[in-house]
Amino acid sequence: MKKIFVINGGQHFAHSGGKFNHTLTDLDQSYFTAENGFELQVTGINQPYDPDEEVRKFVWADVVVYHTPVWWFSMPYKLKEYIDTVFTAGHRKGIYRSDGRKTDNPAINYGTGGMLHGRKYMLTTTWNAPETAFTLPGEFFREHSVDEGVMFGFHRMNAFTGMEPLEGMHFHDLEKNATPERIQEYKDQYLAHLAGVFNNLEIEAAA
């Protein structure tokens, strides 16, 4: 059984209800079933949590799935607080041991002290911005992709723990142009993406 830990970062705040991130989490729960060969744990950042228990979920999981909206070109503050709190609690308890450097040569090996080697993670993001804002010359993101631009630091954060990325998905135009047809198309694409990524995924033995 593959062990999956889903983090729903769809924060409730002002006009943002995190609805599509909840939809993605519901789709996870329909896909990552025992019948399909999975064990699943889910955390929602709007609910109270115990940092030590969350550390145990990271250590338990073969794959961590993050769902986050993008607010002002970063993750919501409750998801950032969750990561700050849980990763700090995970120091020398399974998430990271140190920054990886040695005192005799502190100039090298930064970021190599993670303890989650053998685990993988997958990121989804939801945006008001259309996909063309990332791809067309002269548009806002200057032809930088989500992963190489706004979410670059997020990916390095996970690399710091030792985890490796699986192919994620980014969902665009979900505020100004969130038509029922777009939502249904995205739901279908996401289920197909899960099947493509996880059906033949080989899980390494955790270090």
Protein backbone atom coordinates (compact mmCIF):
# COMPACT_ATOMS: atom_id res chain seq x y z
CA MET A 1 0.00 0.00 0.00
CA LYS A 2 1.31 3.44 -0.93
CA LYS A 3 1.01 5.93 1.94
CA ILE A 4 -0.28 9.37 0.91
CA PHE A 5 -0.45 12.48 3.08
CA VAL A 6 -2.59 15.31 1.68
CA ILE A 7 -2.32 18.88 3.00
CA ASN A 8 -5.24 21.10 2.04
CA GLY A 9 -3.93 24.67 2.14
CA GLY A 10 -7.18 26.26 0.95
CA GLN A 11 -7.50 28.89 3.67
CA HIS A 12 -10.78 30.58 4.58
CA PHE A 13 -10.19 34.35 4.42
CA ALA A 14 -12.16 37.35 3.14
CA HIS A 15 -13.59 36.44 -0.29
CA SER A 16 -11.40 33.33 -0.54
CA GLY A 17 -13.11 30.17 0.60
CA GLY A 18 -10.57 27.66 -0.65
CA LYS A 19 -13.34 25.91 -2.57
CA PHE A 20 -11.33 24.43 -5.41
CA ASN A 21 -8.60 23.18 -3.05
CA HIS A 22 -11.36 21.44 -1.09
CA THR A 23 -12.59 19.97 -4.38
CA LEU A 24 -9.11 18.63 -5.11
CA THR A 25 -8.94 17.12 -1.61
CA ASP A 26 -12.31 15.44 -2.17
CA LEU A 27 -10.97 13.99 -5.43
CA ASP A 28 -7.93 12.70 -3.55
CA GLN A 29 -10.19 10.93 -1.10
CA SER A 30 -12.07 9.29 -3.97
CA TYR A 31 -8.84 8.17 -5.67
CA PHE A 32 -6.44 7.27 -2.84
CA THR A 33 -8.54 4.40 -1.50
CA ALA A 34 -7.61 1.03 -0.07
CA GLU A 35 -9.23 -0.57 -3.12
CA ASN A 36 -6.76 1.34 -5.31
CA GLY A 37 -3.82 0.34 -3.12
CA PHE A 38 -3.41 3.45 -0.96
CA GLU A 39 -3.48 4.50 2.67
CA LEU A 40 -4.46 8.15 3.11
CA GLN A 41 -4.15 10.81 5.80
CA VAL A 42 -5.42 14.38 5.33
CA THR A 43 -4.74 17.64 7.14
CA GLY A 44 -6.69 20.85 6.55
CA ILE A 45 -4.95 24.02 7.67
CA ASN A 46 -8.20 25.60 8.85
CA GLN A 47 -8.52 22.98 11.57
CA PRO A 48 -6.50 22.70 14.81
CA TYR A 49 -3.51 20.36 14.60
CA ASP A 50 -0.81 18.94 16.82
CA PRO A 51 2.65 19.75 15.35
CA ASP A 52 4.20 16.51 16.59
CA GLU A 53 1.41 14.47 15.03
CA GLU A 54 1.91 16.33 11.75
CA VAL A 55 5.63 15.50 11.88
CA ARG A 56 4.68 11.84 12.23
CA LYS A 57 2.50 12.14 9.11
CA PHE A 58 5.43 13.46 7.07
CA VAL A 59 7.65 10.65 8.32
CA TRP A 60 4.91 8.05 7.68
CA ALA A 61 4.09 9.14 4.12
CA ASP A 62 5.59 7.87 0.89
CA VAL A 63 4.17 10.92 -0.90
CA VAL A 64 3.06 14.31 0.44
CA VAL A 65 0.48 16.12 -1.70
CA TYR A 66 0.22 19.87 -1.16
CA HIS A 67 -2.80 21.83 -2.40
CA THR A 68 -2.42 25.60 -2.12
CA PRO A 69 -3.97 28.71 -3.58
CA VAL A 70 -1.49 31.45 -4.43
CA TRP A 71 -2.09 34.68 -2.52
CA TRP A 72 0.00 37.69 -3.42
CA PHE A 73 2.53 35.41 -5.12
CA SER A 74 3.04 33.11 -2.16
CA MET A 75 1.15 30.55 -0.09
CA PRO A 76 -1.60 31.59 2.37
CA TYR A 77 -0.34 32.65 5.77
CA LYS A 78 -1.95 29.71 7.59
CA LEU A 79 -0.15 27.25 5.32
CA LYS A 80 3.12 29.13 5.87
CA GLU A 81 2.48 29.03 9.62
CA TYR A 82 1.77 25.31 9.38
CA ILE A 83 5.06 24.66 7.60
CA ASP A 84 7.05 26.89 9.95
CA THR A 85 5.51 25.21 12.99
CA VAL A 86 5.63 21.60 11.81
CA PHE A 87 9.06 21.71 10.19
CA THR A 88 10.47 23.32 13.34
CA ALA A 89 8.88 20.55 15.42
CA GLY A 90 10.45 18.06 13.01
CA HIS A 91 14.02 19.20 13.70
CA ARG A 92 15.95 16.00 14.50
CA LYS A 93 12.62 14.18 14.71
CA GLY A 94 12.35 13.04 11.12
CA ILE A 95 12.07 16.10 8.85
CA TYR A 96 15.59 17.53 8.96
CA ARG A 97 18.68 17.05 11.07
CA SER A 98 20.61 20.23 10.22
CA ASP A 99 21.36 22.49 7.27
CA GLY A 100 23.90 19.88 6.14
CA ARG A 101 27.08 21.92 6.56
CA LYS A 102 30.08 20.99 8.68
CA THR A 103 31.97 23.47 10.82
CA ASP A 104 35.30 22.61 9.20
CA ASN A 105 34.02 23.76 5.78
CA PRO A 106 30.78 25.74 6.17
CA ALA A 107 30.85 27.09 2.62
CA ILE A 108 29.52 23.88 1.04
CA ASN A 109 26.74 21.30 1.39
CA TYR A 110 24.04 23.71 2.55
CA GLY A 111 20.60 22.11 2.26
CA THR A 112 21.76 18.50 2.56
CA GLY A 113 20.61 17.78 6.11
CA GLY A 114 17.11 16.53 5.34
CA MET A 115 15.75 13.32 6.83
CA LEU A 116 12.93 12.59 4.34
CA HIS A 117 15.04 10.97 1.64
CA GLY A 118 13.08 8.34 -0.25
CA ARG A 119 9.86 10.35 0.03
CA LYS A 120 8.27 12.36 -2.75
CA TYR A 121 5.88 15.29 -2.91
CA MET A 122 3.41 16.71 -5.40
CA LEU A 123 2.26 20.34 -5.59
CA THR A 124 -0.93 21.81 -6.97
CA THR A 125 -1.59 25.53 -7.06
CA THR A 126 -4.71 27.54 -7.86
CA TRP A 127 -4.62 30.99 -9.41
CA ASN A 128 -6.74 33.89 -10.52
CA ALA A 129 -4.03 34.55 -13.14
CA PRO A 130 -4.59 32.95 -16.55
CA GLU A 131 -2.05 30.51 -17.91
CA THR A 132 -1.13 33.03 -20.62
CA ALA A 133 0.28 35.37 -17.93
CA PHE A 134 3.14 32.84 -17.63
CA THR A 135 3.62 31.93 -21.29
CA LEU A 136 3.13 34.97 -23.53
CA PRO A 137 5.95 37.47 -24.21
CA GLY A 138 5.35 40.76 -22.44
CA GLU A 139 2.86 39.31 -19.96
CA PHE A 140 3.20 39.62 -16.20
CA PHE A 141 5.39 36.65 -15.27
CA ARG A 142 7.94 37.26 -18.05
CA GLU A 143 7.65 33.71 -19.42
CA HIS A 144 8.70 32.11 -16.12
CA SER A 145 6.72 29.00 -15.21
CA VAL A 146 4.98 28.61 -11.86
CA ASP A 147 7.59 26.10 -10.68
CA GLU A 148 10.61 28.09 -11.84
CA GLY A 149 9.20 31.42 -10.67
CA VAL A 150 6.72 32.04 -7.86
CA MET A 151 6.97 28.53 -6.36
CA PHE A 152 10.74 28.07 -6.74
CA GLY A 153 11.31 28.65 -3.01
CA PHE A 154 8.59 26.14 -2.14
CA HIS A 155 10.35 23.47 -4.16
CA ARG A 156 13.71 24.24 -2.53
CA MET A 157 12.02 24.03 0.88
CA ASN A 158 11.00 20.47 0.11
CA ALA A 159 14.44 19.66 -1.29
CA PHE A 160 15.86 20.84 2.06
CA THR A 161 13.95 18.00 3.74
CA GLY A 162 15.26 15.45 1.25
CA MET A 163 11.99 14.97 -0.65
CA GLU A 164 11.89 14.78 -4.45
CA PRO A 165 9.14 16.25 -6.65
CA LEU A 166 6.53 14.44 -8.66
CA GLU A 167 4.87 16.23 -11.56
CA GLY A 168 2.30 18.65 -10.18
CA MET A 169 -0.56 20.66 -11.65
CA HIS A 170 -1.43 24.35 -11.73
CA PHE A 171 -5.00 25.55 -12.16
CA HIS A 172 -5.52 29.00 -13.65
CA ASP A 173 -8.25 31.61 -14.05
CA LEU A 174 -10.28 30.33 -11.11
CA GLU A 175 -11.69 33.64 -9.94
CA LYS A 176 -12.55 35.92 -12.85
CA ASN A 177 -13.26 33.04 -15.24
CA ALA A 178 -14.30 30.13 -13.01
CA THR A 179 -17.05 28.73 -15.22
CA PRO A 180 -18.72 25.40 -14.42
CA GLU A 181 -17.20 24.04 -17.62
CA ARG A 182 -13.69 25.07 -16.56
CA ILE A 183 -14.16 23.52 -13.11
CA GLN A 184 -15.37 20.22 -14.58
CA GLU A 185 -12.53 20.14 -17.09
CA TYR A 186 -10.00 20.72 -14.32
CA LYS A 187 -11.55 17.98 -12.18
CA ASP A 188 -11.31 15.52 -15.07
CA GLN A 189 -7.72 16.57 -15.80
CA TYR A 190 -6.72 16.16 -12.17
CA LEU A 191 -8.10 12.63 -11.89
CA ALA A 192 -6.29 11.72 -15.10
CA HIS A 193 -3.13 13.30 -13.70
CA LEU A 194 -3.37 11.22 -10.51
CA ALA A 195 -3.73 8.06 -12.55
CA GLY A 196 -0.77 8.98 -14.73
CA VAL A 197 1.49 9.82 -11.79
CA PHE A 198 0.51 7.17 -9.24
CA ASN A 199 -0.55 4.08 -11.16
CA ASN A 200 3.02 3.02 -11.88
CA LEU A 201 4.82 4.92 -9.13
CA GLU A 202 7.63 2.95 -7.56
CA ILE A 203 8.15 3.78 -3.89
CA GLU A 204 11.72 3.70 -2.61
CA ALA A 205 12.56 2.40 0.82
CA ALA A 206 12.78 5.41 3.16
CA ALA A 207 16.27 6.20 4.39
